[in-house]
Amino acid sequence: MSEEEKAVLAKMASLLKSGATMLDKLCPYCSVPLFRLKSGEVVCPKCGQRFVIVSSDEEEVRARSALALRSLEQTVVERMELLRDELARASSPADVYEVGKAVMILLQILETAYRVKTLAESHPGKS
């Protein structure tokens, strides 16, 4: 048994000890069994990929929408951090105004994402 195989087995044992469940599905990238963590996340112990397992087209649409919203929120946070740095470098009221406008747009995007998420959670059977 190679060192890599031993490391994967050790990781699998660690996951089981921490309460994760080994699934009957294999990672499409490396063919190692996937594990569902207590948090509900599904992970591959070898390559570290994270997965969402769905059982219907409707579930897939909801999962993809949730992932897209999460990605959008992360992008907005990253942009806000850049704008914070830009604000620190602002040298005129016009510069501050432009940064402020960008912040307002990002806040509107976040508000819309929050409304979409809230609507989806209040109507789980609808896609």
C-alpha atoms as a PDB file:
ATOM      1  CA  MET A   1       0.000   0.000   0.000  1.00  0.00           C
ATOM      2  CA  SER A   2       1.396   3.391  -1.026  1.00  0.00           C
ATOM      3  CA  GLU A   3       1.803   6.357   1.326  1.00  0.00           C
ATOM      4  CA  GLU A   4      -0.950   8.194  -0.554  1.00  0.00           C
ATOM      5  CA  GLU A   5      -3.366   5.286  -0.044  1.00  0.00           C
ATOM      6  CA  LYS A   6      -2.478   5.168   3.658  1.00  0.00           C
ATOM      7  CA  ALA A   7      -3.108   8.900   3.956  1.00  0.00           C
ATOM      8  CA  VAL A   8      -6.519   8.574   2.277  1.00  0.00           C
ATOM      9  CA  LEU A   9      -7.479   5.670   4.554  1.00  0.00           C
ATOM     10  CA  ALA A  10      -6.387   7.683   7.589  1.00  0.00           C
ATOM     11  CA  LYS A  11      -8.504  10.625   6.419  1.00  0.00           C
ATOM     12  CA  MET A  12     -11.498   8.311   5.880  1.00  0.00           C
ATOM     13  CA  ALA A  13     -11.065   6.845   9.381  1.00  0.00           C
ATOM     14  CA  SER A  14     -10.841  10.348  10.830  1.00  0.00           C
ATOM     15  CA  LEU A  15     -14.044  11.368   9.063  1.00  0.00           C
ATOM     16  CA  LEU A  16     -15.862   8.304  10.407  1.00  0.00           C
ATOM     17  CA  LYS A  17     -14.607   8.987  13.933  1.00  0.00           C
ATOM     18  CA  SER A  18     -15.889  12.562  13.703  1.00  0.00           C
ATOM     19  CA  GLY A  19     -19.387  11.325  12.858  1.00  0.00           C
ATOM     20  CA  ALA A  20     -19.332  11.553   9.067  1.00  0.00           C
ATOM     21  CA  THR A  21     -21.180   8.945   7.037  1.00  0.00           C
ATOM     22  CA  MET A  22     -19.609   7.075   4.132  1.00  0.00           C
ATOM     23  CA  LEU A  23     -21.926   7.201   1.137  1.00  0.00           C
ATOM     24  CA  ASP A  24     -22.474   4.640  -1.592  1.00  0.00           C
ATOM     25  CA  LYS A  25     -21.404   7.217  -4.179  1.00  0.00           C
ATOM     26  CA  LEU A  26     -17.888   7.676  -5.533  1.00  0.00           C
ATOM     27  CA  CYS A  27     -16.043  10.875  -6.302  1.00  0.00           C
ATOM     28  CA  PRO A  28     -16.278  11.478 -10.067  1.00  0.00           C
ATOM     29  CA  TYR A  29     -12.683  12.775 -10.049  1.00  0.00           C
ATOM     30  CA  CYS A  30     -10.783  10.126  -8.095  1.00  0.00           C
ATOM     31  CA  SER A  31     -13.278   7.259  -7.485  1.00  0.00           C
ATOM     32  CA  VAL A  32     -12.955   7.362  -3.679  1.00  0.00           C
ATOM     33  CA  PRO A  33     -16.150   6.995  -1.583  1.00  0.00           C
ATOM     34  CA  LEU A  34     -17.788  10.300  -0.667  1.00  0.00           C
ATOM     35  CA  PHE A  35     -18.618  11.248   2.931  1.00  0.00           C
ATOM     36  CA  ARG A  36     -21.491  13.300   4.340  1.00  0.00           C
ATOM     37  CA  LEU A  37     -20.315  15.466   7.238  1.00  0.00           C
ATOM     38  CA  LYS A  38     -22.502  16.249  10.254  1.00  0.00           C
ATOM     39  CA  SER A  39     -23.060  19.677   8.692  1.00  0.00           C
ATOM     40  CA  GLY A  40     -24.653  17.982   5.678  1.00  0.00           C
ATOM     41  CA  GLU A  41     -21.779  18.790   3.333  1.00  0.00           C
ATOM     42  CA  VAL A  42     -20.595  15.981   1.052  1.00  0.00           C
ATOM     43  CA  VAL A  43     -16.825  15.778   0.587  1.00  0.00           C
ATOM     44  CA  CYS A  44     -14.194  13.589  -1.000  1.00  0.00           C
ATOM     45  CA  PRO A  45     -11.482  12.591   1.502  1.00  0.00           C
ATOM     46  CA  LYS A  46      -8.848  12.272  -1.230  1.00  0.00           C
ATOM     47  CA  CYS A  47      -9.168  15.326  -3.462  1.00  0.00           C
ATOM     48  CA  GLY A  48     -11.136  17.572  -1.091  1.00  0.00           C
ATOM     49  CA  GLN A  49     -13.871  18.359  -3.604  1.00  0.00           C
ATOM     50  CA  ARG A  50     -17.276  19.300  -2.176  1.00  0.00           C
ATOM     51  CA  PHE A  51     -20.484  18.034  -3.747  1.00  0.00           C
ATOM     52  CA  VAL A  52     -24.228  18.572  -3.660  1.00  0.00           C
ATOM     53  CA  ILE A  53     -26.219  15.390  -4.198  1.00  0.00           C
ATOM     54  CA  VAL A  54     -29.718  15.836  -5.601  1.00  0.00           C
ATOM     55  CA  SER A  55     -32.472  13.371  -6.393  1.00  0.00           C
ATOM     56  CA  SER A  56     -34.656  15.398  -8.777  1.00  0.00           C
ATOM     57  CA  ASP A  57     -34.456  18.120 -11.388  1.00  0.00           C
ATOM     58  CA  GLU A  58     -36.257  20.481  -9.017  1.00  0.00           C
ATOM     59  CA  GLU A  59     -33.696  19.815  -6.279  1.00  0.00           C
ATOM     60  CA  GLU A  60     -30.910  20.457  -8.778  1.00  0.00           C
ATOM     61  CA  VAL A  61     -32.391  23.838  -9.733  1.00  0.00           C
ATOM     62  CA  ARG A  62     -32.663  24.815  -6.054  1.00  0.00           C
ATOM     63  CA  ALA A  63     -29.110  23.639  -5.315  1.00  0.00           C
ATOM     64  CA  ARG A  64     -27.672  25.489  -8.312  1.00  0.00           C
ATOM     65  CA  SER A  65     -29.582  28.636  -7.333  1.00  0.00           C
ATOM     66  CA  ALA A  66     -28.285  28.455  -3.763  1.00  0.00           C
ATOM     67  CA  LEU A  67     -24.722  27.987  -4.997  1.00  0.00           C
ATOM     68  CA  ALA A  68     -25.068  30.914  -7.408  1.00  0.00           C
ATOM     69  CA  LEU A  69     -26.398  33.158  -4.633  1.00  0.00           C
ATOM     70  CA  ARG A  70     -23.566  32.121  -2.313  1.00  0.00           C
ATOM     71  CA  SER A  71     -21.045  32.892  -5.046  1.00  0.00           C
ATOM     72  CA  LEU A  72     -22.670  36.268  -5.698  1.00  0.00           C
ATOM     73  CA  GLU A  73     -22.570  37.130  -2.004  1.00  0.00           C
ATOM     74  CA  GLN A  74     -18.888  36.184  -1.796  1.00  0.00           C
ATOM     75  CA  THR A  75     -18.095  38.316  -4.846  1.00  0.00           C
ATOM     76  CA  VAL A  76     -19.912  41.294  -3.335  1.00  0.00           C
ATOM     77  CA  VAL A  77     -17.966  40.926  -0.077  1.00  0.00           C
ATOM     78  CA  GLU A  78     -14.679  40.788  -2.009  1.00  0.00           C
ATOM     79  CA  ARG A  79     -15.641  43.912  -3.976  1.00  0.00           C
ATOM     80  CA  MET A  80     -16.568  45.697  -0.743  1.00  0.00           C
ATOM     81  CA  GLU A  81     -13.106  44.963   0.612  1.00  0.00           C
ATOM     82  CA  LEU A  82     -11.551  46.448  -2.534  1.00  0.00           C
ATOM     83  CA  LEU A  83     -13.745  49.517  -2.201  1.00  0.00           C
ATOM     84  CA  ARG A  84     -12.677  49.925   1.429  1.00  0.00           C
ATOM     85  CA  ASP A  85      -9.080  50.091   0.212  1.00  0.00           C
ATOM     86  CA  GLU A  86     -10.064  52.516  -2.546  1.00  0.00           C
ATOM     87  CA  LEU A  87     -11.829  54.728  -0.026  1.00  0.00           C
ATOM     88  CA  ALA A  88      -8.671  54.837   2.085  1.00  0.00           C
ATOM     89  CA  ARG A  89      -6.782  56.101  -0.984  1.00  0.00           C
ATOM     90  CA  ALA A  90      -9.456  58.627  -1.994  1.00  0.00           C
ATOM     91  CA  SER A  91      -7.958  62.086  -2.365  1.00  0.00           C
ATOM     92  CA  SER A  92     -10.992  64.185  -3.230  1.00  0.00           C
ATOM     93  CA  PRO A  93     -14.700  64.409  -2.491  1.00  0.00           C
ATOM     94  CA  ALA A  94     -15.351  63.203  -6.047  1.00  0.00           C
ATOM     95  CA  ASP A  95     -13.340  60.024  -5.349  1.00  0.00           C
ATOM     96  CA  VAL A  96     -15.297  59.416  -2.135  1.00  0.00           C
ATOM     97  CA  TYR A  97     -18.556  59.993  -4.010  1.00  0.00           C
ATOM     98  CA  GLU A  98     -17.645  57.424  -6.693  1.00  0.00           C
ATOM     99  CA  VAL A  99     -16.713  54.829  -4.068  1.00  0.00           C
ATOM    100  CA  GLY A 100     -19.976  55.569  -2.248  1.00  0.00           C
ATOM    101  CA  LYS A 101     -21.983  54.999  -5.441  1.00  0.00           C
ATOM    102  CA  ALA A 102     -20.249  51.646  -5.955  1.00  0.00           C
ATOM    103  CA  VAL A 103     -20.976  50.648  -2.355  1.00  0.00           C
ATOM    104  CA  MET A 104     -24.668  51.520  -2.812  1.00  0.00           C
ATOM    105  CA  ILE A 105     -24.876  49.354  -5.933  1.00  0.00           C
ATOM    106  CA  LEU A 106     -23.273  46.433  -4.121  1.00  0.00           C
ATOM    107  CA  LEU A 107     -25.683  46.869  -1.212  1.00  0.00           C
ATOM    108  CA  GLN A 108     -28.609  46.785  -3.643  1.00  0.00           C
ATOM    109  CA  ILE A 109     -27.257  43.554  -5.119  1.00  0.00           C
ATOM    110  CA  LEU A 110     -26.974  42.048  -1.625  1.00  0.00           C
ATOM    111  CA  GLU A 111     -30.509  43.154  -0.772  1.00  0.00           C
ATOM    112  CA  THR A 112     -31.860  41.555  -3.944  1.00  0.00           C
ATOM    113  CA  ALA A 113     -29.947  38.333  -3.242  1.00  0.00           C
ATOM    114  CA  TYR A 114     -31.339  38.282   0.298  1.00  0.00           C
ATOM    115  CA  ARG A 115     -34.897  38.742  -1.008  1.00  0.00           C
ATOM    116  CA  VAL A 116     -34.446  35.934  -3.537  1.00  0.00           C
ATOM    117  CA  LYS A 117     -33.044  33.638  -0.841  1.00  0.00           C
ATOM    118  CA  THR A 118     -35.876  34.492   1.568  1.00  0.00           C
ATOM    119  CA  LEU A 119     -38.483  33.911  -1.120  1.00  0.00           C
ATOM    120  CA  ALA A 120     -36.929  30.542  -2.048  1.00  0.00           C
ATOM    121  CA  GLU A 121     -36.848  29.464   1.599  1.00  0.00           C
ATOM    122  CA  SER A 122     -40.480  30.444   2.156  1.00  0.00           C
ATOM    123  CA  HIS A 123     -41.593  28.490  -0.928  1.00  0.00           C
ATOM    124  CA  PRO A 124     -39.367  25.362  -0.931  1.00  0.00           C
ATOM    125  CA  GLY A 125     -41.541  23.406  -3.375  1.00  0.00           C
ATOM    126  CA  LYS A 126     -41.383  26.111  -6.047  1.00  0.00           C
ATOM    127  CA  SER A 127     -38.486  26.625  -8.440  1.00  0.00           C
END
